[in-house]
Amino acid sequence: MTRRFAVGLAASALGAGLACAALAPAERARRAAAAVDDARLAAADAAVGDWLTHGRTYAEERYSPLAEIDEGNVAQLGLAWWLDTDTTRGLEATPLVADGILYTTGSWSVVFAVDARSGELLWTYDPEVPREKGRHACCDVVNRGVALYRGRVYVGTLDGRLVVAALGGRVAIGKLRVGDGAKAAAAAIFAAGGVEAGERLR
C-alpha cells in the first residue's frame, strides 16, 4: 500500500487558486511560484492564505493566523482529497502554499505541485536519487520540503545535492554538491538572495 498525502483545508485559504484554473497545469504551478520573491517572502506574515517558506515566515513560528477553523467546528472536518505519492516510505515535508498551489516533497526527494483546492497533480519532478544512498539515511529516505523563488523550486536531496528546477520542466537547471555530499534532506530556505540547504549558498 502506498503512502498518501491527505488534507482538509478551509476554503478561505484557497480562493486565490481559482483565477489560474484555466491555465495548463504546469503553467499554473510555475506562475504561482514566479510570484514568490524577496519582498513577498519578507512580508509572508501578511499573506494569511499562503505558507511561503518552511516555517511560514522567517520567524519560523509555524503558526497560521487563519481563523475559519476553530474549536467549535473542527469536528466537522473531513477528507478533502488525497494524493498518491507512489511510495511506502516516510513523508516528513512541510508543504508550501502560494496562490492556491501546494508544493511538497515525498520520499527520495521527489517534488510535487498540487492544486490545493482540488488535489489535482499539476507537476512533479524526480531528482533521481540513487537508491543505494538509502543506507546512509538515519531516518528513512525522507525529505523535509522545498523553497520557492521566482518560478524555480529548490530541493536538497538525500544524496547531498541542492537541485534547482524550473516549474514545468522535467530536467534540473542547476545542481550543487552540499557539504560532504552525505545528505541534504532538510527543507531548503530562501532568504536575502541565497538559499540554505544544510549550508548557505549564493
N, C-alpha and C. Protein backbone atom coordinates (compact mmCIF):
# COMPACT_ATOMS: atom_id res chain seq x y z
N MET A 1 0.85 -1.19 0.00
CA MET A 1 0.00 0.00 0.00
C MET A 1 0.88 1.24 0.00
N THR A 2 0.62 2.17 -0.90
CA THR A 2 1.45 3.37 -0.97
C THR A 2 0.96 4.44 0.00
N ARG A 3 1.88 5.35 0.35
CA ARG A 3 1.56 6.43 1.25
C ARG A 3 0.78 7.51 0.51
N ARG A 4 -0.18 8.11 1.20
CA ARG A 4 -0.99 9.16 0.61
C ARG A 4 -0.86 10.43 1.42
N PHE A 5 -0.76 11.54 0.72
CA PHE A 5 -0.73 12.85 1.36
C PHE A 5 -2.17 13.33 1.39
N ALA A 6 -2.75 13.50 2.57
CA ALA A 6 -4.17 13.85 2.68
C ALA A 6 -4.35 15.18 3.38
N VAL A 7 -5.37 15.94 2.96
CA VAL A 7 -5.60 17.25 3.56
C VAL A 7 -7.08 17.52 3.74
N GLY A 8 -7.38 18.39 4.70
CA GLY A 8 -8.68 19.02 4.83
C GLY A 8 -8.42 20.48 5.10
N LEU A 9 -8.85 21.38 4.22
CA LEU A 9 -8.45 22.78 4.30
C LEU A 9 -9.65 23.71 4.31
N ALA A 10 -9.51 24.86 4.96
CA ALA A 10 -10.54 25.89 4.92
C ALA A 10 -10.58 26.53 3.55
N ALA A 11 -11.77 26.72 2.99
CA ALA A 11 -11.90 27.27 1.64
C ALA A 11 -11.36 28.68 1.54
N SER A 12 -11.42 29.45 2.61
CA SER A 12 -10.96 30.84 2.55
C SER A 12 -9.49 30.94 2.25
N ALA A 13 -8.72 29.91 2.53
CA ALA A 13 -7.28 29.94 2.30
C ALA A 13 -6.92 29.67 0.86
N LEU A 14 -7.88 29.24 0.05
CA LEU A 14 -7.54 28.72 -1.26
C LEU A 14 -8.17 29.48 -2.41
N GLY A 15 -8.87 30.56 -2.14
CA GLY A 15 -9.58 31.26 -3.18
C GLY A 15 -8.71 31.79 -4.28
N ALA A 16 -7.46 32.14 -3.98
CA ALA A 16 -6.57 32.71 -4.98
C ALA A 16 -6.28 31.75 -6.12
N GLY A 17 -6.40 30.46 -5.87
CA GLY A 17 -6.09 29.50 -6.91
C GLY A 17 -7.12 29.43 -8.02
N LEU A 18 -8.33 29.95 -7.81
CA LEU A 18 -9.38 29.83 -8.82
C LEU A 18 -9.07 30.61 -10.07
N ALA A 19 -8.39 31.76 -9.94
CA ALA A 19 -8.11 32.60 -11.10
C ALA A 19 -7.20 31.91 -12.10
N CYS A 20 -6.44 30.94 -11.66
CA CYS A 20 -5.48 30.26 -12.53
C CYS A 20 -6.02 28.97 -13.13
N ALA A 21 -7.30 28.66 -12.85
CA ALA A 21 -7.82 27.35 -13.19
C ALA A 21 -7.82 27.06 -14.68
N ALA A 22 -7.86 28.09 -15.54
CA ALA A 22 -7.94 27.86 -16.98
C ALA A 22 -6.59 27.59 -17.61
N LEU A 23 -5.51 27.77 -16.90
CA LEU A 23 -4.17 27.57 -17.44
C LEU A 23 -3.80 26.10 -17.44
N ALA A 24 -2.79 25.74 -18.25
CA ALA A 24 -2.26 24.38 -18.23
C ALA A 24 -1.71 24.08 -16.83
N PRO A 25 -1.81 22.83 -16.38
CA PRO A 25 -1.43 22.51 -15.01
C PRO A 25 -0.02 22.96 -14.62
N ALA A 26 0.98 22.64 -15.42
CA ALA A 26 2.35 23.01 -15.07
C ALA A 26 2.53 24.52 -15.07
N GLU A 27 1.82 25.23 -15.95
CA GLU A 27 1.93 26.68 -16.00
C GLU A 27 1.30 27.31 -14.76
N ARG A 28 0.25 26.72 -14.25
CA ARG A 28 -0.33 27.22 -13.00
C ARG A 28 0.66 27.11 -11.86
N ALA A 29 1.37 25.98 -11.80
CA ALA A 29 2.38 25.80 -10.76
C ALA A 29 3.52 26.79 -10.92
N ARG A 30 3.93 27.04 -12.16
CA ARG A 30 5.05 27.96 -12.40
C ARG A 30 4.67 29.39 -12.04
N ARG A 31 3.48 29.83 -12.43
CA ARG A 31 3.08 31.21 -12.18
C ARG A 31 2.98 31.52 -10.69
N ALA A 32 2.44 30.58 -9.94
CA ALA A 32 2.32 30.81 -8.50
C ALA A 32 3.70 30.96 -7.87
N ALA A 33 4.64 30.10 -8.28
CA ALA A 33 6.00 30.17 -7.73
C ALA A 33 6.74 31.40 -8.24
N ALA A 34 6.44 31.86 -9.45
CA ALA A 34 7.12 33.02 -10.02
C ALA A 34 6.84 34.28 -9.22
N ALA A 35 5.70 34.31 -8.53
CA ALA A 35 5.34 35.49 -7.74
C ALA A 35 6.03 35.54 -6.39
N VAL A 36 6.77 34.49 -6.05
CA VAL A 36 7.48 34.46 -4.77
C VAL A 36 8.86 35.06 -4.96
N ASP A 37 9.08 36.23 -4.36
CA ASP A 37 10.37 36.91 -4.45
C ASP A 37 10.77 37.42 -3.07
N ASP A 38 11.85 38.20 -3.00
CA ASP A 38 12.35 38.66 -1.70
C ASP A 38 11.31 39.47 -0.94
N ALA A 39 10.63 40.38 -1.64
CA ALA A 39 9.64 41.23 -0.98
C ALA A 39 8.49 40.41 -0.42
N ARG A 40 8.05 39.45 -1.19
CA ARG A 40 6.92 38.64 -0.73
C ARG A 40 7.31 37.73 0.43
N LEU A 41 8.51 37.18 0.38
CA LEU A 41 8.97 36.35 1.50
C LEU A 41 9.11 37.18 2.78
N ALA A 42 9.63 38.41 2.64
CA ALA A 42 9.80 39.26 3.81
C ALA A 42 8.46 39.65 4.43
N ALA A 43 7.42 39.72 3.60
CA ALA A 43 6.09 40.11 4.08
C ALA A 43 5.17 38.90 4.24
N ALA A 44 5.74 37.72 4.40
CA ALA A 44 4.94 36.49 4.42
C ALA A 44 3.89 36.48 5.52
N ASP A 45 4.13 37.15 6.62
CA ASP A 45 3.18 37.12 7.72
C ASP A 45 1.86 37.76 7.34
N ALA A 46 1.88 38.68 6.37
CA ALA A 46 0.65 39.35 5.94
C ALA A 46 -0.16 38.50 4.97
N ALA A 47 0.45 37.47 4.40
CA ALA A 47 -0.23 36.61 3.42
C ALA A 47 -0.88 35.46 4.17
N VAL A 48 -2.06 35.70 4.74
CA VAL A 48 -2.63 34.73 5.67
C VAL A 48 -3.04 33.43 4.99
N GLY A 49 -3.31 33.45 3.68
CA GLY A 49 -3.72 32.24 3.00
C GLY A 49 -2.58 31.46 2.37
N ASP A 50 -1.36 31.94 2.54
CA ASP A 50 -0.18 31.30 1.96
C ASP A 50 0.72 30.74 3.05
N TRP A 51 1.62 29.87 2.63
CA TRP A 51 2.68 29.34 3.50
C TRP A 51 3.92 29.30 2.61
N LEU A 52 4.67 30.42 2.56
CA LEU A 52 5.66 30.65 1.52
C LEU A 52 7.05 30.12 1.83
N THR A 53 7.32 29.82 3.08
CA THR A 53 8.63 29.31 3.46
C THR A 53 8.45 28.28 4.57
N HIS A 54 9.50 27.57 4.89
CA HIS A 54 9.40 26.38 5.73
C HIS A 54 8.61 26.60 7.02
N GLY A 55 8.90 27.65 7.75
CA GLY A 55 8.20 27.93 8.99
C GLY A 55 7.09 28.94 8.85
N ARG A 56 6.63 29.17 7.61
CA ARG A 56 5.64 30.16 7.16
C ARG A 56 6.24 31.54 7.05
N THR A 57 7.00 31.99 8.06
CA THR A 57 7.71 33.27 7.99
C THR A 57 9.15 33.04 8.41
N TYR A 58 9.97 34.08 8.28
CA TYR A 58 11.37 33.94 8.70
C TYR A 58 11.50 33.78 10.21
N ALA A 59 10.45 34.10 10.96
CA ALA A 59 10.48 33.87 12.41
C ALA A 59 10.36 32.39 12.75
N GLU A 60 9.99 31.56 11.77
CA GLU A 60 9.90 30.11 11.93
C GLU A 60 8.95 29.71 13.05
N GLU A 61 7.84 30.46 13.22
CA GLU A 61 6.90 30.14 14.29
C GLU A 61 5.92 29.03 13.91
N ARG A 62 5.78 28.78 12.60
CA ARG A 62 4.88 27.72 12.11
C ARG A 62 3.45 27.91 12.62
N TYR A 63 3.02 29.15 12.69
CA TYR A 63 1.68 29.48 13.19
C TYR A 63 0.85 30.08 12.07
N SER A 64 -0.36 29.54 11.87
CA SER A 64 -1.26 30.10 10.87
C SER A 64 -2.30 30.98 11.54
N PRO A 65 -2.49 32.21 11.02
CA PRO A 65 -3.49 33.11 11.60
C PRO A 65 -4.91 32.84 11.08
N LEU A 66 -5.09 31.85 10.22
CA LEU A 66 -6.43 31.54 9.72
C LEU A 66 -7.36 31.19 10.89
N ALA A 67 -8.58 31.72 10.83
CA ALA A 67 -9.49 31.56 11.96
C ALA A 67 -10.80 30.88 11.60
N GLU A 68 -10.97 30.47 10.35
CA GLU A 68 -12.23 29.85 9.95
C GLU A 68 -12.46 28.52 10.65
N ILE A 69 -11.39 27.79 10.91
CA ILE A 69 -11.50 26.52 11.65
C ILE A 69 -11.16 26.81 13.11
N ASP A 70 -12.05 26.45 14.02
CA ASP A 70 -11.82 26.69 15.44
C ASP A 70 -12.36 25.51 16.24
N GLU A 71 -12.31 25.64 17.57
CA GLU A 71 -12.73 24.52 18.41
C GLU A 71 -14.22 24.21 18.27
N GLY A 72 -14.98 25.15 17.73
CA GLY A 72 -16.40 24.92 17.58
C GLY A 72 -16.77 24.11 16.35
N ASN A 73 -15.91 24.10 15.33
CA ASN A 73 -16.27 23.37 14.10
C ASN A 73 -15.23 22.36 13.65
N VAL A 74 -14.14 22.19 14.39
CA VAL A 74 -13.08 21.30 13.94
C VAL A 74 -13.57 19.86 13.79
N ALA A 75 -14.59 19.47 14.56
CA ALA A 75 -15.10 18.11 14.47
C ALA A 75 -15.82 17.86 13.14
N GLN A 76 -16.15 18.92 12.42
CA GLN A 76 -16.85 18.77 11.14
C GLN A 76 -15.91 18.54 9.96
N LEU A 77 -14.61 18.66 10.20
CA LEU A 77 -13.64 18.49 9.11
C LEU A 77 -13.63 17.05 8.61
N GLY A 78 -13.46 16.91 7.31
CA GLY A 78 -13.32 15.60 6.72
C GLY A 78 -12.27 15.63 5.64
N LEU A 79 -12.06 14.52 4.97
CA LEU A 79 -11.06 14.43 3.92
C LEU A 79 -11.51 15.22 2.70
N ALA A 80 -10.68 16.15 2.25
CA ALA A 80 -10.98 16.93 1.05
C ALA A 80 -10.46 16.24 -0.20
N TRP A 81 -9.24 15.70 -0.14
CA TRP A 81 -8.66 14.96 -1.25
C TRP A 81 -7.43 14.23 -0.75
N TRP A 82 -6.91 13.34 -1.57
CA TRP A 82 -5.66 12.68 -1.24
C TRP A 82 -4.81 12.57 -2.49
N LEU A 83 -3.51 12.49 -2.28
CA LEU A 83 -2.54 12.37 -3.37
C LEU A 83 -1.72 11.11 -3.14
N ASP A 84 -1.70 10.25 -4.12
CA ASP A 84 -0.90 9.03 -4.04
C ASP A 84 0.54 9.37 -4.39
N THR A 85 1.43 9.23 -3.43
CA THR A 85 2.84 9.58 -3.65
C THR A 85 3.66 8.40 -4.19
N ASP A 86 3.00 7.28 -4.44
CA ASP A 86 3.63 6.13 -5.09
C ASP A 86 4.83 5.62 -4.29
N THR A 87 4.68 5.56 -2.98
CA THR A 87 5.76 5.06 -2.14
C THR A 87 5.18 4.48 -0.87
N THR A 88 5.93 3.59 -0.25
CA THR A 88 5.57 3.09 1.07
C THR A 88 6.52 3.64 2.13
N ARG A 89 7.39 4.58 1.72
CA ARG A 89 8.41 5.11 2.63
C ARG A 89 7.89 6.37 3.32
N GLY A 90 8.72 6.97 4.18
CA GLY A 90 8.32 8.08 5.02
C GLY A 90 8.02 9.37 4.28
N LEU A 91 7.12 10.17 4.85
CA LEU A 91 6.77 11.51 4.35
C LEU A 91 6.89 12.48 5.52
N GLU A 92 7.76 13.49 5.39
CA GLU A 92 8.01 14.41 6.51
C GLU A 92 8.03 15.87 6.10
N ALA A 93 7.70 16.21 4.88
CA ALA A 93 7.84 17.59 4.42
C ALA A 93 6.79 18.52 5.02
N THR A 94 7.18 19.78 5.21
CA THR A 94 6.23 20.86 5.46
C THR A 94 5.84 21.43 4.10
N PRO A 95 4.59 21.27 3.67
CA PRO A 95 4.20 21.80 2.36
C PRO A 95 4.22 23.33 2.34
N LEU A 96 4.57 23.90 1.19
CA LEU A 96 4.42 25.33 0.97
C LEU A 96 3.14 25.56 0.16
N VAL A 97 2.52 26.72 0.36
CA VAL A 97 1.33 27.09 -0.42
C VAL A 97 1.53 28.51 -0.92
N ALA A 98 1.38 28.68 -2.25
CA ALA A 98 1.45 30.00 -2.87
C ALA A 98 0.30 30.13 -3.85
N ASP A 99 -0.57 31.09 -3.60
CA ASP A 99 -1.69 31.37 -4.51
C ASP A 99 -2.50 30.13 -4.85
N GLY A 100 -2.78 29.32 -3.86
CA GLY A 100 -3.63 28.16 -4.06
C GLY A 100 -2.94 26.93 -4.59
N ILE A 101 -1.62 26.97 -4.77
CA ILE A 101 -0.86 25.82 -5.24
C ILE A 101 0.00 25.31 -4.08
N LEU A 102 -0.05 24.02 -3.83
CA LEU A 102 0.71 23.40 -2.75
C LEU A 102 1.93 22.70 -3.33
N TYR A 103 3.08 22.93 -2.72
CA TYR A 103 4.36 22.35 -3.16
C TYR A 103 4.91 21.52 -2.01
N THR A 104 5.22 20.26 -2.27
CA THR A 104 5.73 19.40 -1.21
C THR A 104 6.69 18.37 -1.79
N THR A 105 7.32 17.62 -0.92
CA THR A 105 8.21 16.55 -1.36
C THR A 105 7.79 15.23 -0.73
N GLY A 106 8.14 14.16 -1.43
CA GLY A 106 7.90 12.82 -0.92
C GLY A 106 9.21 12.12 -0.64
N SER A 107 9.16 10.81 -0.54
CA SER A 107 10.37 10.02 -0.36
C SER A 107 11.31 10.20 -1.56
N TRP A 108 12.60 9.99 -1.32
CA TRP A 108 13.63 10.11 -2.36
C TRP A 108 13.69 11.51 -2.98
N SER A 109 13.21 12.54 -2.24
CA SER A 109 13.32 13.95 -2.64
C SER A 109 12.50 14.29 -3.88
N VAL A 110 11.48 13.51 -4.17
CA VAL A 110 10.60 13.80 -5.30
C VAL A 110 9.70 14.98 -4.95
N VAL A 111 9.53 15.91 -5.90
CA VAL A 111 8.77 17.13 -5.68
C VAL A 111 7.40 17.04 -6.37
N PHE A 112 6.38 17.56 -5.68
CA PHE A 112 5.03 17.59 -6.22
C PHE A 112 4.47 19.01 -6.13
N ALA A 113 3.76 19.45 -7.17
CA ALA A 113 2.97 20.67 -7.14
C ALA A 113 1.52 20.27 -7.36
N VAL A 114 0.64 20.71 -6.45
CA VAL A 114 -0.74 20.21 -6.41
C VAL A 114 -1.69 21.38 -6.25
N ASP A 115 -2.83 21.33 -6.92
CA ASP A 115 -3.90 22.30 -6.69
C ASP A 115 -4.45 22.05 -5.29
N ALA A 116 -4.29 23.03 -4.40
CA ALA A 116 -4.66 22.82 -3.00
C ALA A 116 -6.15 22.71 -2.79
N ARG A 117 -6.96 23.17 -3.73
CA ARG A 117 -8.41 23.05 -3.59
C ARG A 117 -8.91 21.68 -4.05
N SER A 118 -8.41 21.22 -5.19
CA SER A 118 -8.96 20.00 -5.79
C SER A 118 -8.10 18.77 -5.59
N GLY A 119 -6.80 18.95 -5.30
CA GLY A 119 -5.89 17.82 -5.20
C GLY A 119 -5.31 17.39 -6.54
N GLU A 120 -5.60 18.15 -7.61
CA GLU A 120 -5.07 17.80 -8.93
C GLU A 120 -3.54 17.92 -8.94
N LEU A 121 -2.86 16.89 -9.38
CA LEU A 121 -1.41 16.93 -9.51
C LEU A 121 -1.07 17.76 -10.74
N LEU A 122 -0.35 18.87 -10.53
CA LEU A 122 -0.02 19.79 -11.61
C LEU A 122 1.35 19.52 -12.22
N TRP A 123 2.28 19.09 -11.39
CA TRP A 123 3.66 18.93 -11.86
C TRP A 123 4.41 18.09 -10.85
N THR A 124 5.35 17.30 -11.33
CA THR A 124 6.22 16.54 -10.43
C THR A 124 7.62 16.52 -10.99
N TYR A 125 8.59 16.41 -10.10
CA TYR A 125 9.99 16.37 -10.52
C TYR A 125 10.72 15.34 -9.66
N ASP A 126 11.44 14.43 -10.32
CA ASP A 126 12.20 13.40 -9.63
C ASP A 126 13.69 13.66 -9.84
N PRO A 127 14.43 14.01 -8.78
CA PRO A 127 15.87 14.25 -8.92
C PRO A 127 16.70 12.98 -9.08
N GLU A 128 16.04 11.84 -9.11
CA GLU A 128 16.68 10.55 -9.38
C GLU A 128 17.83 10.26 -8.42
N VAL A 129 17.50 10.25 -7.15
CA VAL A 129 18.47 9.91 -6.12
C VAL A 129 18.83 8.42 -6.25
N PRO A 130 20.11 8.08 -6.33
CA PRO A 130 20.49 6.66 -6.39
C PRO A 130 19.96 5.90 -5.18
N ARG A 131 19.30 4.80 -5.43
CA ARG A 131 18.65 4.08 -4.34
C ARG A 131 19.63 3.53 -3.32
N GLU A 132 20.88 3.32 -3.72
CA GLU A 132 21.84 2.82 -2.74
C GLU A 132 22.16 3.85 -1.65
N LYS A 133 21.80 5.11 -1.88
CA LYS A 133 22.03 6.15 -0.87
C LYS A 133 21.12 5.97 0.34
N GLY A 134 20.10 5.15 0.20
CA GLY A 134 19.18 4.94 1.31
C GLY A 134 19.86 4.39 2.55
N ARG A 135 20.96 3.66 2.38
CA ARG A 135 21.63 3.07 3.54
C ARG A 135 22.31 4.12 4.40
N HIS A 136 22.49 5.36 3.88
CA HIS A 136 23.12 6.42 4.67
C HIS A 136 22.09 7.21 5.48
N ALA A 137 20.81 6.96 5.24
CA ALA A 137 19.77 7.76 5.89
C ALA A 137 19.48 7.22 7.29
N CYS A 138 19.53 8.10 8.27
CA CYS A 138 19.27 7.67 9.65
C CYS A 138 17.80 7.40 9.89
N CYS A 139 16.94 8.13 9.15
CA CYS A 139 15.51 8.17 9.50
C CYS A 139 14.64 7.96 8.27
N ASP A 140 14.97 7.00 7.45
CA ASP A 140 14.30 6.67 6.20
C ASP A 140 14.69 7.69 5.12
N VAL A 141 14.15 7.50 3.92
CA VAL A 141 14.58 8.29 2.76
C VAL A 141 13.69 9.52 2.59
N VAL A 142 13.48 10.22 3.70
CA VAL A 142 12.55 11.34 3.73
C VAL A 142 13.20 12.63 3.21
N ASN A 143 12.34 13.61 2.96
CA ASN A 143 12.78 14.96 2.62
C ASN A 143 11.84 15.92 3.33
N ARG A 144 12.33 17.08 3.74
CA ARG A 144 11.52 17.96 4.58
C ARG A 144 11.00 19.20 3.86
N GLY A 145 11.13 19.24 2.54
CA GLY A 145 10.45 20.30 1.82
C GLY A 145 11.33 21.12 0.91
N VAL A 146 10.68 22.00 0.16
CA VAL A 146 11.33 22.80 -0.87
C VAL A 146 11.34 24.28 -0.48
N ALA A 147 12.09 25.05 -1.27
CA ALA A 147 11.99 26.50 -1.27
C ALA A 147 11.51 26.94 -2.65
N LEU A 148 10.71 28.00 -2.69
CA LEU A 148 10.23 28.59 -3.94
C LEU A 148 10.85 29.96 -4.12
N TYR A 149 11.21 30.28 -5.36
CA TYR A 149 11.77 31.60 -5.62
C TYR A 149 11.75 31.87 -7.12
N ARG A 150 10.96 32.87 -7.52
CA ARG A 150 10.92 33.37 -8.89
C ARG A 150 10.76 32.26 -9.93
N GLY A 151 9.79 31.40 -9.71
CA GLY A 151 9.45 30.39 -10.69
C GLY A 151 10.30 29.14 -10.64
N ARG A 152 11.15 29.03 -9.64
CA ARG A 152 12.00 27.86 -9.51
C ARG A 152 11.75 27.19 -8.17
N VAL A 153 12.02 25.90 -8.14
CA VAL A 153 11.90 25.14 -6.91
C VAL A 153 13.29 24.62 -6.54
N TYR A 154 13.63 24.75 -5.26
CA TYR A 154 14.93 24.34 -4.75
C TYR A 154 14.70 23.18 -3.77
N VAL A 155 15.41 22.09 -3.98
CA VAL A 155 15.25 20.94 -3.09
C VAL A 155 16.61 20.34 -2.77
N GLY A 156 16.85 20.12 -1.49
CA GLY A 156 18.02 19.39 -1.05
C GLY A 156 17.72 17.90 -1.16
N THR A 157 18.64 17.13 -1.70
CA THR A 157 18.37 15.72 -1.96
C THR A 157 19.09 14.80 -0.98
N LEU A 158 18.60 13.60 -0.90
CA LEU A 158 19.16 12.62 0.03
C LEU A 158 20.61 12.30 -0.26
N ASP A 159 21.04 12.47 -1.53
CA ASP A 159 22.43 12.18 -1.88
C ASP A 159 23.31 13.41 -1.84
N GLY A 160 22.87 14.47 -1.14
CA GLY A 160 23.74 15.61 -0.87
C GLY A 160 23.83 16.66 -1.94
N ARG A 161 22.81 16.81 -2.77
CA ARG A 161 22.80 17.86 -3.79
C ARG A 161 21.75 18.91 -3.46
N LEU A 162 21.98 20.13 -3.91
CA LEU A 162 20.93 21.14 -3.98
C LEU A 162 20.53 21.21 -5.45
N VAL A 163 19.29 20.86 -5.74
CA VAL A 163 18.81 20.81 -7.12
C VAL A 163 17.86 21.97 -7.36
N VAL A 164 18.04 22.66 -8.47
CA VAL A 164 17.18 23.77 -8.87
C VAL A 164 16.45 23.35 -10.13
N ALA A 165 15.14 23.40 -10.09
CA ALA A 165 14.34 23.02 -11.26
C ALA A 165 13.35 24.13 -11.58
N ALA A 166 13.16 24.40 -12.85
CA ALA A 166 12.15 25.36 -13.29
C ALA A 166 10.79 24.69 -13.22
N LEU A 167 9.82 25.33 -12.59
CA LEU A 167 8.49 24.76 -12.51
C LEU A 167 7.95 24.53 -13.91
N GLY A 168 7.49 23.34 -14.18
CA GLY A 168 7.00 22.98 -15.50
C GLY A 168 8.01 22.16 -16.29
N GLY A 169 9.29 22.25 -15.93
CA GLY A 169 10.31 21.48 -16.61
C GLY A 169 10.50 20.11 -15.98
N ARG A 170 11.20 19.23 -16.67
CA ARG A 170 11.46 17.89 -16.17
C ARG A 170 12.94 17.66 -15.90
N VAL A 171 13.77 18.64 -16.21
CA VAL A 171 15.21 18.50 -16.07
C VAL A 171 15.73 19.60 -15.15
N ALA A 172 16.64 19.26 -14.27
CA ALA A 172 17.23 20.26 -13.38
C ALA A 172 18.00 21.30 -14.18
N ILE A 173 17.88 22.58 -13.77
CA ILE A 173 18.65 23.63 -14.42
C ILE A 173 19.90 23.98 -13.62
N GLY A 174 20.06 23.34 -12.49
CA GLY A 174 21.27 23.55 -11.70
C GLY A 174 21.39 22.52 -10.61
N LYS A 175 22.61 22.07 -10.35
CA LYS A 175 22.87 21.11 -9.28
C LYS A 175 24.15 21.53 -8.58
N LEU A 176 24.17 21.44 -7.26
CA LEU A 176 25.34 21.83 -6.49
C LEU A 176 25.51 20.85 -5.35
N ARG A 177 26.72 20.34 -5.20
CA ARG A 177 27.01 19.42 -4.11
C ARG A 177 27.03 20.21 -2.80
N VAL A 178 26.34 19.71 -1.78
CA VAL A 178 26.25 20.39 -0.49
C VAL A 178 27.13 19.67 0.52
N GLY A 179 28.04 20.40 1.15
CA GLY A 179 28.87 19.82 2.20
C GLY A 179 29.64 18.62 1.71
N ASP A 180 29.64 17.55 2.51
CA ASP A 180 30.39 16.34 2.15
C ASP A 180 29.59 15.40 1.27
N GLY A 181 28.37 15.83 0.90
CA GLY A 181 27.57 15.02 -0.01
C GLY A 181 26.85 13.87 0.64
N ALA A 182 26.87 13.79 1.96
CA ALA A 182 26.25 12.65 2.62
C ALA A 182 24.72 12.73 2.57
N LYS A 183 24.17 13.91 2.86
CA LYS A 183 22.72 14.03 2.92
C LYS A 183 22.36 15.51 2.97
N ALA A 184 21.28 15.90 2.28
CA ALA A 184 20.79 17.27 2.34
C ALA A 184 19.27 17.24 2.30
N ALA A 185 18.68 16.52 3.23
CA ALA A 185 17.23 16.32 3.20
C ALA A 185 16.47 17.38 3.99
N ALA A 186 17.18 18.31 4.66
CA ALA A 186 16.49 19.38 5.36
C ALA A 186 15.77 20.28 4.37
N ALA A 187 14.72 20.94 4.82
CA ALA A 187 13.98 21.84 3.93
C ALA A 187 14.88 22.98 3.48
N ALA A 188 14.84 23.28 2.18
CA ALA A 188 15.56 24.43 1.65
C ALA A 188 14.83 25.70 2.04
N ILE A 189 15.58 26.76 2.36
CA ILE A 189 15.00 28.05 2.75
C ILE A 189 15.70 29.15 1.97
N PHE A 190 14.92 30.03 1.33
CA PHE A 190 15.46 31.13 0.55
C PHE A 190 15.37 32.41 1.38
N ALA A 191 16.48 33.15 1.49
CA ALA A 191 16.47 34.40 2.24
C ALA A 191 17.60 35.30 1.75
N ALA A 192 17.28 36.57 1.55
CA ALA A 192 18.27 37.59 1.20
C ALA A 192 19.15 37.17 0.03
N GLY A 193 18.53 36.63 -1.00
CA GLY A 193 19.27 36.31 -2.22
C GLY A 193 20.04 35.01 -2.20
N GLY A 194 19.93 34.25 -1.11
CA GLY A 194 20.65 32.99 -1.02
C GLY A 194 19.74 31.89 -0.54
N VAL A 195 20.14 30.67 -0.76
CA VAL A 195 19.34 29.52 -0.34
C VAL A 195 20.14 28.69 0.65
N GLU A 196 19.46 28.19 1.69
CA GLU A 196 20.09 27.33 2.66
C GLU A 196 19.55 25.92 2.51
N ALA A 197 20.45 24.98 2.45
CA ALA A 197 20.07 23.56 2.40
C ALA A 197 21.19 22.79 3.09
N GLY A 198 21.25 22.89 4.37
CA GLY A 198 22.37 22.31 5.12
C GLY A 198 23.48 23.33 5.27
N GLU A 199 23.85 24.04 4.17
CA GLU A 199 24.79 25.14 4.20
C GLU A 199 24.20 26.29 3.42
N ARG A 200 24.67 27.51 3.68
CA ARG A 200 24.16 28.67 2.96
C ARG A 200 24.90 28.80 1.63
N LEU A 201 24.14 28.95 0.56
CA LEU A 201 24.69 29.02 -0.78
C LEU A 201 24.16 30.24 -1.48
N ARG A 202 25.01 30.90 -2.28
CA ARG A 202 24.58 32.09 -3.03
C ARG A 202 24.73 31.84 -4.52
